[in-house]
Amino acid sequence: MIEIKNLSLSFGKKPIFRDFSAELPDEGLVLLSGESGIGKTTLLRILCGLQKPDRGTVCGLESRKISVVFQEPRLLEHMTALENVSIVSDAETAERLLRELNMTGERSQKAGALSGGQKQRVSLARAFAFSNDVVLLDEPFTGLDEQNKLRAADLIRTARLAVVVTHDADDAALLHADRNIQL
């Protein structure tokens, strides 16, 4: 179990969390939802170690391998879609994931030439190609049409543990989360 205990964080004089506590299961799909600006992305940044809280602890992630899908795809623009995914895995796994996300025809294109939705699908494929215990996803459906949202949701549900941030109720409904933490 992942335990978030008495987490507090402020940016300047603006409090983001005050003694926030939650427990996340070892398996399943957890949704972090709430209005924009409430701290969902900040909580993901804390979970993956990119942000330190002012006070409080996160226990249970120390020995786990984490992959992340950020709000912006963060691809290596000079590399192809396939190369971006193969960085963390083998070509066979990369090909399979790109196929699952309807990116077969674009696998040889440079990331810099892809549309926003295509880049997002490459980012998703890369996160799932990495041998992980936990996948943290920040607005994973950004730029995706309905068909590709369904494909992405199917992939997300295969994770051992996925923690997904969204403020969109329709996107949340696609995931059929095991647990919803409202921030």
Protein backbone atom coordinates (compact mmCIF):
# COMPACT_ATOMS: atom_id res chain seq x y z
CA MET A 1 0.00 0.00 0.00
CA ILE A 2 1.11 3.54 -0.70
CA GLU A 3 0.47 5.89 2.20
CA ILE A 4 0.35 9.65 1.90
CA LYS A 5 0.51 11.03 5.44
CA ASN A 6 -0.15 14.60 6.59
CA LEU A 7 1.08 16.14 3.36
CA SER A 8 1.38 19.92 3.39
CA LEU A 9 2.67 22.12 0.61
CA SER A 10 2.41 25.80 -0.20
CA PHE A 11 3.66 27.81 -3.14
CA GLY A 12 4.50 31.12 -1.57
CA LYS A 13 1.48 32.05 0.51
CA LYS A 14 -0.87 29.81 -1.46
CA PRO A 15 -1.56 26.51 0.31
CA ILE A 16 -1.95 23.52 -2.01
CA PHE A 17 -2.23 20.77 0.62
CA ARG A 18 -2.85 21.00 4.35
CA ASP A 19 -2.40 17.73 6.24
CA PHE A 20 -3.65 15.71 3.26
CA SER A 21 -3.65 11.95 3.82
CA ALA A 22 -4.70 9.11 1.56
CA GLU A 23 -3.99 5.44 0.96
CA LEU A 24 -3.49 4.00 -2.50
CA PRO A 25 -3.80 0.26 -3.13
CA ASP A 26 -0.97 -1.85 -4.50
CA GLU A 27 -3.03 -2.71 -7.57
CA GLY A 28 -5.84 -1.22 -9.60
CA LEU A 29 -6.75 2.12 -11.07
CA VAL A 30 -6.91 5.20 -8.86
CA LEU A 31 -8.37 8.43 -10.13
CA LEU A 32 -7.30 11.81 -8.74
CA SER A 33 -10.00 14.27 -9.67
CA GLY A 34 -10.97 17.81 -8.93
CA GLU A 35 -11.04 21.29 -10.35
CA SER A 36 -8.12 22.77 -12.26
CA GLY A 37 -5.50 24.22 -9.94
CA ILE A 38 -6.48 22.10 -6.93
CA GLY A 39 -3.15 20.20 -6.75
CA LYS A 40 -3.65 17.02 -8.80
CA THR A 41 -0.53 17.47 -10.91
CA THR A 42 1.42 18.59 -7.86
CA LEU A 43 0.45 15.39 -6.04
CA LEU A 44 1.70 13.31 -9.00
CA ARG A 45 4.96 15.30 -8.94
CA ILE A 46 5.32 14.47 -5.24
CA LEU A 47 4.58 10.78 -5.87
CA CYS A 48 7.29 10.52 -8.54
CA GLY A 49 9.82 12.54 -6.52
CA LEU A 50 9.91 15.70 -8.64
CA GLN A 51 8.39 17.89 -5.89
CA LYS A 52 9.18 17.84 -2.18
CA PRO A 53 6.36 18.60 0.25
CA ASP A 54 6.84 21.15 3.02
CA ARG A 55 5.76 18.48 5.48
CA GLY A 56 4.44 14.94 5.45
CA THR A 57 5.54 11.65 3.96
CA VAL A 58 4.84 9.28 1.12
CA CYS A 59 5.61 5.65 1.96
CA GLY A 60 5.39 2.56 -0.22
CA LEU A 61 6.99 3.77 -3.44
CA GLU A 62 10.63 3.45 -2.43
CA SER A 63 11.37 0.17 -4.20
CA ARG A 64 8.87 0.49 -7.05
CA LYS A 65 9.64 1.33 -10.65
CA ILE A 66 7.54 4.28 -11.77
CA SER A 67 6.71 5.49 -15.25
CA VAL A 68 5.02 8.80 -15.93
CA VAL A 69 2.86 10.33 -18.63
CA PHE A 70 3.09 14.09 -18.22
CA GLN A 71 0.54 16.62 -19.49
CA GLU A 72 2.91 17.46 -22.33
CA PRO A 73 4.41 14.44 -24.15
CA ARG A 74 8.15 15.12 -23.52
CA LEU A 75 9.40 13.12 -26.48
CA LEU A 76 12.79 13.24 -28.17
CA GLU A 77 11.69 15.22 -31.23
CA HIS A 78 14.60 14.10 -33.47
CA MET A 79 13.74 10.42 -32.95
CA THR A 80 10.91 8.43 -34.52
CA ALA A 81 7.85 7.31 -32.62
CA LEU A 82 9.25 3.77 -32.53
CA GLU A 83 12.65 4.95 -31.29
CA ASN A 84 11.02 7.02 -28.53
CA VAL A 85 9.21 3.95 -27.23
CA SER A 86 12.13 1.54 -27.81
CA ILE A 87 14.36 3.64 -25.54
CA VAL A 88 12.76 1.94 -22.53
CA SER A 89 12.06 -1.48 -24.02
CA ASP A 90 12.62 -3.74 -26.99
CA ALA A 91 11.38 -3.02 -30.52
CA GLU A 92 8.80 -5.83 -30.39
CA THR A 93 7.11 -4.39 -27.29
CA ALA A 94 7.29 -0.89 -28.76
CA GLU A 95 5.69 -2.07 -32.02
CA ARG A 96 2.91 -3.87 -30.13
CA LEU A 97 2.07 -0.84 -27.99
CA LEU A 98 2.10 1.55 -30.92
CA ARG A 99 -0.22 -0.84 -32.76
CA GLU A 100 -2.57 -0.97 -29.75
CA LEU A 101 -2.69 2.82 -29.75
CA ASN A 102 -3.39 3.06 -33.50
CA MET A 103 0.07 4.44 -34.35
CA THR A 104 1.32 1.78 -36.78
CA GLY A 105 1.41 4.14 -39.77
CA GLU A 106 3.29 6.82 -37.84
CA ARG A 107 5.90 4.64 -36.11
CA SER A 108 8.66 5.78 -38.51
CA GLN A 109 7.84 9.48 -38.33
CA LYS A 110 10.00 11.83 -36.29
CA ALA A 111 8.25 12.85 -33.08
CA GLY A 112 8.59 16.50 -34.05
CA ALA A 113 6.36 15.90 -37.10
CA LEU A 114 3.53 14.25 -35.15
CA SER A 115 0.28 15.94 -34.11
CA GLY A 116 -0.43 16.59 -30.43
CA GLY A 117 -2.68 13.54 -30.11
CA GLN A 118 -0.13 11.33 -31.86
CA LYS A 119 2.61 12.56 -29.52
CA GLN A 120 0.37 11.79 -26.55
CA ARG A 121 -0.13 8.21 -27.78
CA VAL A 122 3.64 7.76 -28.20
CA SER A 123 4.09 9.04 -24.66
CA LEU A 124 1.52 6.52 -23.40
CA ALA A 125 3.21 3.70 -25.32
CA ARG A 126 6.59 4.63 -23.84
CA ALA A 127 5.22 4.68 -20.28
CA PHE A 128 3.74 1.21 -20.73
CA ALA A 129 6.79 -0.18 -22.54
CA PHE A 130 8.89 0.53 -19.45
CA SER A 131 8.84 -2.38 -17.00
CA ASN A 132 7.01 -0.59 -14.19
CA ASP A 133 5.15 -1.25 -10.98
CA VAL A 134 3.25 2.05 -11.02
CA VAL A 135 2.15 4.31 -13.87
CA LEU A 136 1.36 7.94 -13.05
CA LEU A 137 -0.70 9.65 -15.75
CA ASP A 138 -1.50 13.36 -15.89
CA GLU A 139 -4.45 14.09 -18.19
CA PRO A 140 -3.60 11.11 -20.45
CA PHE A 141 -6.42 11.76 -22.93
CA THR A 142 -5.26 15.23 -23.95
CA GLY A 143 -5.55 15.66 -27.72
CA LEU A 144 -7.18 12.26 -28.31
CA ASP A 145 -10.40 11.69 -30.24
CA GLU A 146 -13.05 9.34 -28.85
CA GLN A 147 -11.76 6.20 -30.61
CA ASN A 148 -8.22 6.77 -29.39
CA LYS A 149 -9.41 7.64 -25.89
CA LEU A 150 -11.04 4.19 -25.75
CA ARG A 151 -7.81 2.53 -26.91
CA ALA A 152 -5.81 4.50 -24.34
CA ALA A 153 -8.29 3.63 -21.57
CA ASP A 154 -7.99 -0.07 -22.44
CA LEU A 155 -4.21 0.18 -22.16
CA ILE A 156 -4.33 2.12 -18.88
CA ARG A 157 -6.54 -0.56 -17.33
CA THR A 158 -3.77 -3.14 -17.97
CA ALA A 159 -1.41 -1.46 -15.49
CA ARG A 160 -0.69 -3.15 -12.21
CA LEU A 161 -1.29 0.20 -10.52
CA ALA A 162 -2.28 3.32 -12.45
CA VAL A 163 -2.82 6.69 -10.80
CA VAL A 164 -4.62 8.98 -13.22
CA VAL A 165 -5.20 12.71 -12.93
CA THR A 166 -8.17 14.22 -14.73
CA HIS A 167 -10.62 17.05 -14.26
CA ASP A 168 -12.88 15.79 -17.05
CA ALA A 169 -15.82 13.70 -15.80
CA ASP A 170 -16.29 12.01 -19.19
CA ASP A 171 -12.64 10.96 -19.28
CA ALA A 172 -12.91 9.68 -15.71
CA ALA A 173 -15.95 7.59 -16.66
CA LEU A 174 -13.97 5.85 -19.44
CA LEU A 175 -11.54 4.44 -16.90
CA HIS A 176 -13.92 2.68 -14.51
CA ALA A 177 -11.55 3.46 -11.63
CA ASP A 178 -11.35 1.21 -8.60
CA ARG A 179 -10.95 4.26 -6.40
CA ASN A 180 -11.61 7.98 -6.85
CA ILE A 181 -9.80 10.47 -4.64
CA GLN A 182 -11.42 13.88 -4.89
CA LEU A 183 -8.96 16.70 -4.19
